[in-house]
C-alpha cells in the first residue's frame, strides 16, 4: 500500500491539458477560474483516487466535477463525458 507521501506527483502538463479540455468541453467562460486537483480516499465507499475539476465564476458560483482516475490517467473522453453529467444536473 502506498503511503500518503510516496505518491507519484501529477504531471503539470497533464493538469494544463485537463484545464483546457474542461474549458472547451464544459463551455466555461474565459473569466472562470478552473482548478484541477487529485484526491485520495481510504474510505470503502469512495474511489481510491479521483481528479476533481473545480470551476469558480466571478459571481461566486462554484461547480465540481469528479473523474475516478488520477490526473495522469485522465483522457479527453473522460472530460467529454462530464458534459452529459452537467446537462443531467439541470432541473
PDB file of N, CA and C in Angstrom:
ATOM      1  N   UNK A   1       0.840  -1.179   0.000  1.00  0.00           N
ATOM      2  CA  UNK A   1       0.000   0.000   0.000  1.00  0.00           C
ATOM      3  C   UNK A   1       0.882   1.239   0.000  1.00  0.00           C
ATOM      4  N   UNK A   2       0.528   2.187  -0.816  1.00  0.00           N
ATOM      5  CA  UNK A   2       1.290   3.432  -0.866  1.00  0.00           C
ATOM      6  C   UNK A   2       0.973   4.298   0.333  1.00  0.00           C
ATOM      7  N   UNK A   3       1.989   4.958   0.848  1.00  0.00           N
ATOM      8  CA  UNK A   3       1.776   5.904   1.917  1.00  0.00           C
ATOM      9  C   UNK A   3       1.351   7.253   1.360  1.00  0.00           C
ATOM     10  N   UNK A   4       0.912   8.107   2.248  1.00  0.00           N
ATOM     11  CA  UNK A   4       0.420   9.417   1.833  1.00  0.00           C
ATOM     12  C   UNK A   4       1.484  10.245   1.122  1.00  0.00           C
ATOM     13  N   UNK A   5       2.743  10.073   1.511  1.00  0.00           N
ATOM     14  CA  UNK A   5       3.785  10.943   0.979  1.00  0.00           C
ATOM     15  C   UNK A   5       4.630  10.303  -0.125  1.00  0.00           C
ATOM     16  N   UNK A   6       4.388   9.012  -0.471  1.00  0.00           N
ATOM     17  CA  UNK A   6       5.166   8.413  -1.547  1.00  0.00           C
ATOM     18  C   UNK A   6       4.354   8.254  -2.827  1.00  0.00           C
ATOM     19  N   UNK A   7       3.387   9.077  -3.026  1.00  0.00           N
ATOM     20  CA  UNK A   7       2.600   9.023  -4.257  1.00  0.00           C
ATOM     21  C   UNK A   7       3.298   9.795  -5.356  1.00  0.00           C
ATOM     22  N   UNK A   8       3.075   9.327  -6.575  1.00  0.00           N
ATOM     23  CA  UNK A   8       3.642   9.992  -7.747  1.00  0.00           C
ATOM     24  C   UNK A   8       2.943  11.343  -7.947  1.00  0.00           C
ATOM     25  N   UNK A   9       3.716  12.374  -8.203  1.00  0.00           N
ATOM     26  CA  UNK A   9       3.153  13.716  -8.405  1.00  0.00           C
ATOM     27  C   UNK A   9       2.507  13.812  -9.775  1.00  0.00           C
ATOM     28  N   UNK A  10       1.388  14.522  -9.871  1.00  0.00           N
ATOM     29  CA  UNK A  10       0.755  14.721 -11.177  1.00  0.00           C
ATOM     30  C   UNK A  10       1.667  15.514 -12.110  1.00  0.00           C
ATOM     31  N   UNK A  11       1.618  15.171 -13.359  1.00  0.00           N
ATOM     32  CA  UNK A  11       2.387  15.862 -14.385  1.00  0.00           C
ATOM     33  C   UNK A  11       1.767  17.242 -14.617  1.00  0.00           C
ATOM     34  N   UNK A  12       2.523  18.333 -14.435  1.00  0.00           N
ATOM     35  CA  UNK A  12       1.977  19.680 -14.641  1.00  0.00           C
ATOM     36  C   UNK A  12       1.391  19.875 -16.039  1.00  0.00           C
ATOM     37  N   UNK A  13       1.975  19.228 -17.031  1.00  0.00           N
ATOM     38  CA  UNK A  13       1.441  19.338 -18.394  1.00  0.00           C
ATOM     39  C   UNK A  13       0.057  18.692 -18.470  1.00  0.00           C
ATOM     40  N   UNK A  14      -0.142  17.585 -17.760  1.00  0.00           N
ATOM     41  CA  UNK A  14      -1.448  16.922 -17.744  1.00  0.00           C
ATOM     42  C   UNK A  14      -2.492  17.823 -17.101  1.00  0.00           C
ATOM     43  N   UNK A  15      -2.109  18.527 -16.049  1.00  0.00           N
ATOM     44  CA  UNK A  15      -3.035  19.464 -15.390  1.00  0.00           C
ATOM     45  C   UNK A  15      -3.474  20.537 -16.384  1.00  0.00           C
ATOM     46  N   UNK A  16      -2.538  21.101 -17.137  1.00  0.00           N
ATOM     47  CA  UNK A  16      -2.874  22.148 -18.109  1.00  0.00           C
ATOM     48  C   UNK A  16      -3.769  21.618 -19.225  1.00  0.00           C
ATOM     49  N   UNK A  17      -3.516  20.405 -19.663  1.00  0.00           N
ATOM     50  CA  UNK A  17      -4.341  19.810 -20.715  1.00  0.00           C
ATOM     51  C   UNK A  17      -5.768  19.592 -20.206  1.00  0.00           C
ATOM     52  N   UNK A  18      -5.900  19.071 -18.994  1.00  0.00           N
ATOM     53  CA  UNK A  18      -7.232  18.846 -18.425  1.00  0.00           C
ATOM     54  C   UNK A  18      -7.972  20.170 -18.276  1.00  0.00           C
ATOM     55  N   UNK A  19      -7.262  21.222 -17.855  1.00  0.00           N
ATOM     56  CA  UNK A  19      -7.889  22.552 -17.755  1.00  0.00           C
ATOM     57  C   UNK A  19      -8.416  23.004 -19.107  1.00  0.00           C
ATOM     58  N   UNK A  20      -7.614  22.838 -20.147  1.00  0.00           N
ATOM     59  CA  UNK A  20      -8.049  23.286 -21.473  1.00  0.00           C
ATOM     60  C   UNK A  20      -9.240  22.466 -21.957  1.00  0.00           C
ATOM     61  N   UNK A  21      -9.245  21.151 -21.695  1.00  0.00           N
ATOM     62  CA  UNK A  21     -10.395  20.326 -22.064  1.00  0.00           C
ATOM     63  C   UNK A  21     -11.637  20.773 -21.301  1.00  0.00           C
ATOM     64  N   UNK A  22     -11.481  21.038 -20.006  1.00  0.00           N
ATOM     65  CA  UNK A  22     -12.626  21.454 -19.188  1.00  0.00           C
ATOM     66  C   UNK A  22     -13.223  22.751 -19.720  1.00  0.00           C
ATOM     67  N   UNK A  23     -12.374  23.709 -20.036  1.00  0.00           N
ATOM     68  CA  UNK A  23     -12.858  24.992 -20.558  1.00  0.00           C
ATOM     69  C   UNK A  23     -13.608  24.782 -21.867  1.00  0.00           C
ATOM     70  N   UNK A  24     -13.036  23.964 -22.735  1.00  0.00           N
ATOM     71  CA  UNK A  24     -13.652  23.727 -24.044  1.00  0.00           C
ATOM     72  C   UNK A  24     -14.923  22.891 -23.933  1.00  0.00           C
ATOM     73  N   UNK A  25     -14.826  21.712 -23.343  1.00  0.00           N
ATOM     74  CA  UNK A  25     -15.945  20.769 -23.349  1.00  0.00           C
ATOM     75  C   UNK A  25     -17.076  21.169 -22.406  1.00  0.00           C
ATOM     76  N   UNK A  26     -16.749  21.822 -21.293  1.00  0.00           N
ATOM     77  CA  UNK A  26     -17.778  22.224 -20.338  1.00  0.00           C
ATOM     78  C   UNK A  26     -18.271  23.643 -20.606  1.00  0.00           C
ATOM     79  N   UNK A  27     -17.747  24.235 -21.692  1.00  0.00           N
ATOM     80  CA  UNK A  27     -18.177  25.565 -22.143  1.00  0.00           C
ATOM     81  C   UNK A  27     -18.065  26.611 -21.030  1.00  0.00           C
ATOM     82  N   UNK A  28     -16.887  26.666 -20.407  1.00  0.00           N
ATOM     83  CA  UNK A  28     -16.653  27.618 -19.326  1.00  0.00           C
ATOM     84  C   UNK A  28     -16.150  28.929 -19.911  1.00  0.00           C
ATOM     85  N   UNK A  29     -16.590  30.024 -19.331  1.00  0.00           N
ATOM     86  CA  UNK A  29     -16.193  31.334 -19.848  1.00  0.00           C
ATOM     87  C   UNK A  29     -14.741  31.634 -19.502  1.00  0.00           C
ATOM     88  N   UNK A  30     -14.169  32.592 -20.210  1.00  0.00           N
ATOM     89  CA  UNK A  30     -12.768  32.969 -20.023  1.00  0.00           C
ATOM     90  C   UNK A  30     -12.467  33.566 -18.664  1.00  0.00           C
ATOM     91  N   UNK A  31     -13.482  34.083 -17.978  1.00  0.00           N
ATOM     92  CA  UNK A  31     -13.236  34.677 -16.660  1.00  0.00           C
ATOM     93  C   UNK A  31     -13.549  33.712 -15.518  1.00  0.00           C
ATOM     94  N   UNK A  32     -13.739  32.434 -15.845  1.00  0.00           N
ATOM     95  CA  UNK A  32     -13.947  31.396 -14.831  1.00  0.00           C
ATOM     96  C   UNK A  32     -12.591  30.840 -14.422  1.00  0.00           C
ATOM     97  N   UNK A  33     -12.366  30.723 -13.125  1.00  0.00           N
ATOM     98  CA  UNK A  33     -11.139  30.130 -12.610  1.00  0.00           C
ATOM     99  C   UNK A  33     -11.334  28.623 -12.548  1.00  0.00           C
ATOM    100  N   UNK A  34     -10.435  27.891 -13.181  1.00  0.00           N
ATOM    101  CA  UNK A  34     -10.519  26.433 -13.220  1.00  0.00           C
ATOM    102  C   UNK A  34      -9.327  25.862 -12.469  1.00  0.00           C
ATOM    103  N   UNK A  35      -9.611  24.964 -11.530  1.00  0.00           N
ATOM    104  CA  UNK A  35      -8.515  24.298 -10.826  1.00  0.00           C
ATOM    105  C   UNK A  35      -8.701  22.787 -10.944  1.00  0.00           C
ATOM    106  N   UNK A  36      -7.576  22.096 -10.959  1.00  0.00           N
ATOM    107  CA  UNK A  36      -7.548  20.649 -11.086  1.00  0.00           C
ATOM    108  C   UNK A  36      -6.814  20.104  -9.859  1.00  0.00           C
ATOM    109  N   UNK A  37      -7.431  19.150  -9.188  1.00  0.00           N
ATOM    110  CA  UNK A  37      -6.761  18.549  -8.036  1.00  0.00           C
ATOM    111  C   UNK A  37      -6.969  17.042  -8.039  1.00  0.00           C
ATOM    112  N   UNK A  38      -6.085  16.377  -7.327  1.00  0.00           N
ATOM    113  CA  UNK A  38      -6.144  14.928  -7.230  1.00  0.00           C
ATOM    114  C   UNK A  38      -6.354  14.582  -5.761  1.00  0.00           C
ATOM    115  N   UNK A  39      -7.423  13.840  -5.487  1.00  0.00           N
ATOM    116  CA  UNK A  39      -7.759  13.484  -4.116  1.00  0.00           C
ATOM    117  C   UNK A  39      -7.646  11.980  -3.919  1.00  0.00           C
ATOM    118  N   UNK A  40      -7.186  11.597  -2.747  1.00  0.00           N
ATOM    119  CA  UNK A  40      -7.076  10.188  -2.376  1.00  0.00           C
ATOM    120  C   UNK A  40      -8.037   9.912  -1.235  1.00  0.00           C
ATOM    121  N   UNK A  41      -8.664   8.748  -1.262  1.00  0.00           N
ATOM    122  CA  UNK A  41      -9.628   8.383  -0.231  1.00  0.00           C
ATOM    123  C   UNK A  41      -9.371   6.951   0.202  1.00  0.00           C
ATOM    124  N   UNK A  42      -9.421   6.717   1.497  1.00  0.00           N
ATOM    125  CA  UNK A  42      -9.241   5.376   2.025  1.00  0.00           C
ATOM    126  C   UNK A  42     -10.561   4.790   2.524  1.00  0.00           C
ATOM    127  N   UNK A  43     -11.646   5.534   2.395  1.00  0.00           N
ATOM    128  CA  UNK A  43     -12.953   5.060   2.813  1.00  0.00           C
ATOM    129  C   UNK A  43     -13.463   4.029   1.811  1.00  0.00           C
ATOM    130  N   UNK A  44     -14.181   3.009   2.262  1.00  0.00           N
ATOM    131  CA  UNK A  44     -14.629   1.951   1.348  1.00  0.00           C
ATOM    132  C   UNK A  44     -15.618   2.409   0.275  1.00  0.00           C
ATOM    133  N   UNK A  45     -16.394   3.454   0.518  1.00  0.00           N
ATOM    134  CA  UNK A  45     -17.412   3.867  -0.446  1.00  0.00           C
ATOM    135  C   UNK A  45     -16.929   4.854  -1.502  1.00  0.00           C
ATOM    136  N   UNK A  46     -15.683   5.241  -1.488  1.00  0.00           N
ATOM    137  CA  UNK A  46     -15.202   6.187  -2.490  1.00  0.00           C
ATOM    138  C   UNK A  46     -14.047   5.583  -3.293  1.00  0.00           C
ATOM    139  N   UNK A  47     -13.846   6.105  -4.518  1.00  0.00           N
ATOM    140  CA  UNK A  47     -12.720   5.592  -5.312  1.00  0.00           C
ATOM    141  C   UNK A  47     -11.395   5.934  -4.628  1.00  0.00           C
ATOM    142  N   UNK A  48     -10.376   5.109  -4.803  1.00  0.00           N
ATOM    143  CA  UNK A  48      -9.099   5.366  -4.129  1.00  0.00           C
ATOM    144  C   UNK A  48      -8.436   6.664  -4.572  1.00  0.00           C
ATOM    145  N   UNK A  49      -8.651   7.064  -5.819  1.00  0.00           N
ATOM    146  CA  UNK A  49      -8.095   8.326  -6.321  1.00  0.00           C
ATOM    147  C   UNK A  49      -9.094   8.914  -7.302  1.00  0.00           C
ATOM    148  N   UNK A  50      -9.209  10.237  -7.278  1.00  0.00           N
ATOM    149  CA  UNK A  50     -10.056  10.903  -8.259  1.00  0.00           C
ATOM    150  C   UNK A  50      -9.502  12.277  -8.587  1.00  0.00           C
ATOM    151  N   UNK A  51      -9.779  12.683  -9.817  1.00  0.00           N
ATOM    152  CA  UNK A  51      -9.413  14.018 -10.270  1.00  0.00           C
ATOM    153  C   UNK A  51     -10.647  14.892 -10.125  1.00  0.00           C
ATOM    154  N   UNK A  52     -10.462  16.042  -9.502  1.00  0.00           N
ATOM    155  CA  UNK A  52     -11.569  16.966  -9.288  1.00  0.00           C
ATOM    156  C   UNK A  52     -11.296  18.229 -10.104  1.00  0.00           C
ATOM    157  N   UNK A  53     -12.267  18.576 -10.935  1.00  0.00           N
ATOM    158  CA  UNK A  53     -12.216  19.816 -11.718  1.00  0.00           C
ATOM    159  C   UNK A  53     -13.165  20.786 -11.025  1.00  0.00           C
ATOM    160  N   UNK A  54     -12.651  21.939 -10.629  1.00  0.00           N
ATOM    161  CA  UNK A  54     -13.464  22.946  -9.952  1.00  0.00           C
ATOM    162  C   UNK A  54     -13.479  24.210 -10.790  1.00  0.00           C
ATOM    163  N   UNK A  55     -14.687  24.735 -11.016  1.00  0.00           N
ATOM    164  CA  UNK A  55     -14.850  25.992 -11.750  1.00  0.00           C
ATOM    165  C   UNK A  55     -15.457  27.017 -10.807  1.00  0.00           C
ATOM    166  N   UNK A  56     -14.820  28.196 -10.740  1.00  0.00           N
ATOM    167  CA  UNK A  56     -15.309  29.298  -9.904  1.00  0.00           C
ATOM    168  C   UNK A  56     -15.560  30.506 -10.795  1.00  0.00           C
ATOM    169  N   UNK A  57     -16.803  30.965 -10.811  1.00  0.00           N
ATOM    170  CA  UNK A  57     -17.138  32.124 -11.634  1.00  0.00           C
ATOM    171  C   UNK A  57     -16.974  33.396 -10.821  1.00  0.00           C
ATOM    172  N   UNK A  58     -16.805  34.539 -11.486  1.00  0.00           N
ATOM    173  CA  UNK A  58     -16.625  35.799 -10.763  1.00  0.00           C
ATOM    174  C   UNK A  58     -17.790  36.144  -9.829  1.00  0.00           C
ATOM    175  N   UNK A  59     -18.990  35.634 -10.124  1.00  0.00           N
ATOM    176  CA  UNK A  59     -20.136  35.938  -9.259  1.00  0.00           C
ATOM    177  C   UNK A  59     -20.245  34.987  -8.061  1.00  0.00           C
ATOM    178  N   UNK A  60     -19.245  34.118  -7.876  1.00  0.00           N
ATOM    179  CA  UNK A  60     -19.190  33.276  -6.685  1.00  0.00           C
ATOM    180  C   UNK A  60     -19.713  31.863  -6.841  1.00  0.00           C
ATOM    181  N   UNK A  61     -20.232  31.503  -7.999  1.00  0.00           N
ATOM    182  CA  UNK A  61     -20.698  30.136  -8.208  1.00  0.00           C
ATOM    183  C   UNK A  61     -19.513  29.172  -8.275  1.00  0.00           C
ATOM    184  N   UNK A  62     -19.646  28.020  -7.639  1.00  0.00           N
ATOM    185  CA  UNK A  62     -18.603  27.001  -7.652  1.00  0.00           C
ATOM    186  C   UNK A  62     -19.246  25.684  -8.080  1.00  0.00           C
ATOM    187  N   UNK A  63     -18.626  25.008  -9.038  1.00  0.00           N
ATOM    188  CA  UNK A  63     -19.111  23.725  -9.532  1.00  0.00           C
ATOM    189  C   UNK A  63     -17.933  22.767  -9.597  1.00  0.00           C
ATOM    190  N   UNK A  64     -18.149  21.533  -9.120  1.00  0.00           N
ATOM    191  CA  UNK A  64     -17.121  20.488  -9.162  1.00  0.00           C
ATOM    192  C   UNK A  64     -17.580  19.339 -10.046  1.00  0.00           C
ATOM    193  N   UNK A  65     -16.624  18.748 -10.746  1.00  0.00           N
ATOM    194  CA  UNK A  65     -16.827  17.510 -11.492  1.00  0.00           C
ATOM    195  C   UNK A  65     -15.749  16.548 -11.045  1.00  0.00           C
ATOM    196  N   UNK A  66     -16.077  15.272 -10.957  1.00  0.00           N
ATOM    197  CA  UNK A  66     -15.126  14.270 -10.465  1.00  0.00           C
ATOM    198  C   UNK A  66     -14.949  13.157 -11.483  1.00  0.00           C
ATOM    199  N   UNK A  67     -13.714  12.740 -11.649  1.00  0.00           N
ATOM    200  CA  UNK A  67     -13.368  11.618 -12.522  1.00  0.00           C
ATOM    201  C   UNK A  67     -12.572  10.635 -11.670  1.00  0.00           C
ATOM    202  N   UNK A  68     -12.999   9.395 -11.623  1.00  0.00           N
ATOM    203  CA  UNK A  68     -12.381   8.389 -10.760  1.00  0.00           C
ATOM    204  C   UNK A  68     -11.096   7.834 -11.381  1.00  0.00           C
ATOM    205  N   UNK A  69     -10.153   8.739 -11.623  1.00  0.00           N
ATOM    206  CA  UNK A  69      -8.832   8.395 -12.161  1.00  0.00           C
ATOM    207  C   UNK A  69      -7.833   9.414 -11.634  1.00  0.00           C
ATOM    208  N   UNK A  70      -6.561   9.062 -11.680  1.00  0.00           N
ATOM    209  CA  UNK A  70      -5.529  10.036 -11.322  1.00  0.00           C
ATOM    210  C   UNK A  70      -5.393  11.055 -12.460  1.00  0.00           C
ATOM    211  N   UNK A  71      -4.854  12.196 -12.152  1.00  0.00           N
ATOM    212  CA  UNK A  71      -4.652  13.251 -13.155  1.00  0.00           C
ATOM    213  C   UNK A  71      -3.894  12.710 -14.357  1.00  0.00           C
ATOM    214  N   UNK A  72      -2.843  11.937 -14.108  1.00  0.00           N
ATOM    215  CA  UNK A  72      -2.019  11.432 -15.204  1.00  0.00           C
ATOM    216  C   UNK A  72      -2.743  10.437 -16.102  1.00  0.00           C
ATOM    217  N   UNK A  73      -3.888   9.899 -15.634  1.00  0.00           N
ATOM    218  CA  UNK A  73      -4.634   8.907 -16.415  1.00  0.00           C
ATOM    219  C   UNK A  73      -5.887   9.471 -17.090  1.00  0.00           C
ATOM    220  N   UNK A  74      -6.241  10.722 -16.813  1.00  0.00           N
ATOM    221  CA  UNK A  74      -7.443  11.326 -17.400  1.00  0.00           C
ATOM    222  C   UNK A  74      -7.220  11.559 -18.893  1.00  0.00           C
ATOM    223  N   UNK A  75      -8.211  11.201 -19.677  1.00  0.00           N
ATOM    224  CA  UNK A  75      -8.195  11.386 -21.134  1.00  0.00           C
ATOM    225  C   UNK A  75      -9.301  12.361 -21.525  1.00  0.00           C
ATOM    226  N   UNK A  76      -9.222  12.859 -22.744  1.00  0.00           N
ATOM    227  CA  UNK A  76     -10.224  13.807 -23.247  1.00  0.00           C
ATOM    228  C   UNK A  76     -11.625  13.221 -23.148  1.00  0.00           C
ATOM    229  N   UNK A  77     -11.774  11.943 -23.442  1.00  0.00           N
ATOM    230  CA  UNK A  77     -13.094  11.296 -23.401  1.00  0.00           C
ATOM    231  C   UNK A  77     -13.704  11.346 -22.007  1.00  0.00           C
ATOM    232  N   UNK A  78     -12.855  11.301 -20.964  1.00  0.00           N
ATOM    233  CA  UNK A  78     -13.349  11.387 -19.586  1.00  0.00           C
ATOM    234  C   UNK A  78     -13.956  12.755 -19.316  1.00  0.00           C
ATOM    235  N   UNK A  79     -13.288  13.795 -19.792  1.00  0.00           N
ATOM    236  CA  UNK A  79     -13.788  15.156 -19.582  1.00  0.00           C
ATOM    237  C   UNK A  79     -15.021  15.395 -20.455  1.00  0.00           C
ATOM    238  N   UNK A  80     -15.011  14.881 -21.681  1.00  0.00           N
ATOM    239  CA  UNK A  80     -16.194  14.992 -22.546  1.00  0.00           C
ATOM    240  C   UNK A  80     -17.402  14.326 -21.898  1.00  0.00           C
ATOM    241  N   UNK A  81     -17.170  13.230 -21.205  1.00  0.00           N
ATOM    242  CA  UNK A  81     -18.250  12.523 -20.529  1.00  0.00           C
ATOM    243  C   UNK A  81     -18.928  13.353 -19.456  1.00  0.00           C
ATOM    244  N   UNK A  82     -18.245  14.365 -18.967  1.00  0.00           N
ATOM    245  CA  UNK A  82     -18.830  15.237 -17.951  1.00  0.00           C
ATOM    246  C   UNK A  82     -19.912  16.139 -18.528  1.00  0.00           C
ATOM    247  N   UNK A  83     -19.932  16.308 -19.849  1.00  0.00           N
ATOM    248  CA  UNK A  83     -20.961  17.134 -20.496  1.00  0.00           C
ATOM    249  C   UNK A  83     -22.338  16.565 -20.187  1.00  0.00           C
ATOM    250  N   UNK A  84     -22.486  15.245 -20.324  1.00  0.00           N
ATOM    251  CA  UNK A  84     -23.769  14.599 -20.019  1.00  0.00           C
ATOM    252  C   UNK A  84     -24.127  14.781 -18.563  1.00  0.00           C
ATOM    253  N   UNK A  85     -23.143  14.670 -17.686  1.00  0.00           N
ATOM    254  CA  UNK A  85     -23.378  14.856 -16.256  1.00  0.00           C
ATOM    255  C   UNK A  85     -23.834  16.284 -15.991  1.00  0.00           C
ATOM    256  N   UNK A  86     -23.198  17.253 -16.658  1.00  0.00           N
ATOM    257  CA  UNK A  86     -23.540  18.664 -16.467  1.00  0.00           C
ATOM    258  C   UNK A  86     -24.980  18.924 -16.893  1.00  0.00           C
ATOM    259  N   UNK A  87     -25.383  18.391 -18.043  1.00  0.00           N
ATOM    260  CA  UNK A  87     -26.736  18.637 -18.526  1.00  0.00           C
ATOM    261  C   UNK A  87     -27.766  17.848 -17.720  1.00  0.00           C
ATOM    262  N   UNK A  88     -27.414  16.691 -17.179  1.00  0.00           N
ATOM    263  CA  UNK A  88     -28.372  15.913 -16.397  1.00  0.00           C
ATOM    264  C   UNK A  88     -28.571  16.499 -15.013  1.00  0.00           C
ATOM    265  N   UNK A  89     -27.675  17.376 -14.544  1.00  0.00           N
ATOM    266  CA  UNK A  89     -27.828  18.013 -13.241  1.00  0.00           C
ATOM    267  C   UNK A  89     -28.786  19.195 -13.289  1.00  0.00           C
ATOM    268  N   UNK A  90     -29.157  19.641 -14.458  1.00  0.00           N
ATOM    269  CA  UNK A  90     -30.093  20.758 -14.581  1.00  0.00           C
ATOM    270  C   UNK A  90     -31.508  20.251 -14.348  1.00  0.00           C
ATOM    271  N   UNK A  91     -32.281  21.009 -13.611  1.00  0.00           N
ATOM    272  CA  UNK A  91     -33.674  20.608 -13.337  1.00  0.00           C
ATOM    273  C   UNK A  91     -34.641  21.610 -13.909  1.00  0.00           C
TER     274      UNK A  91
END
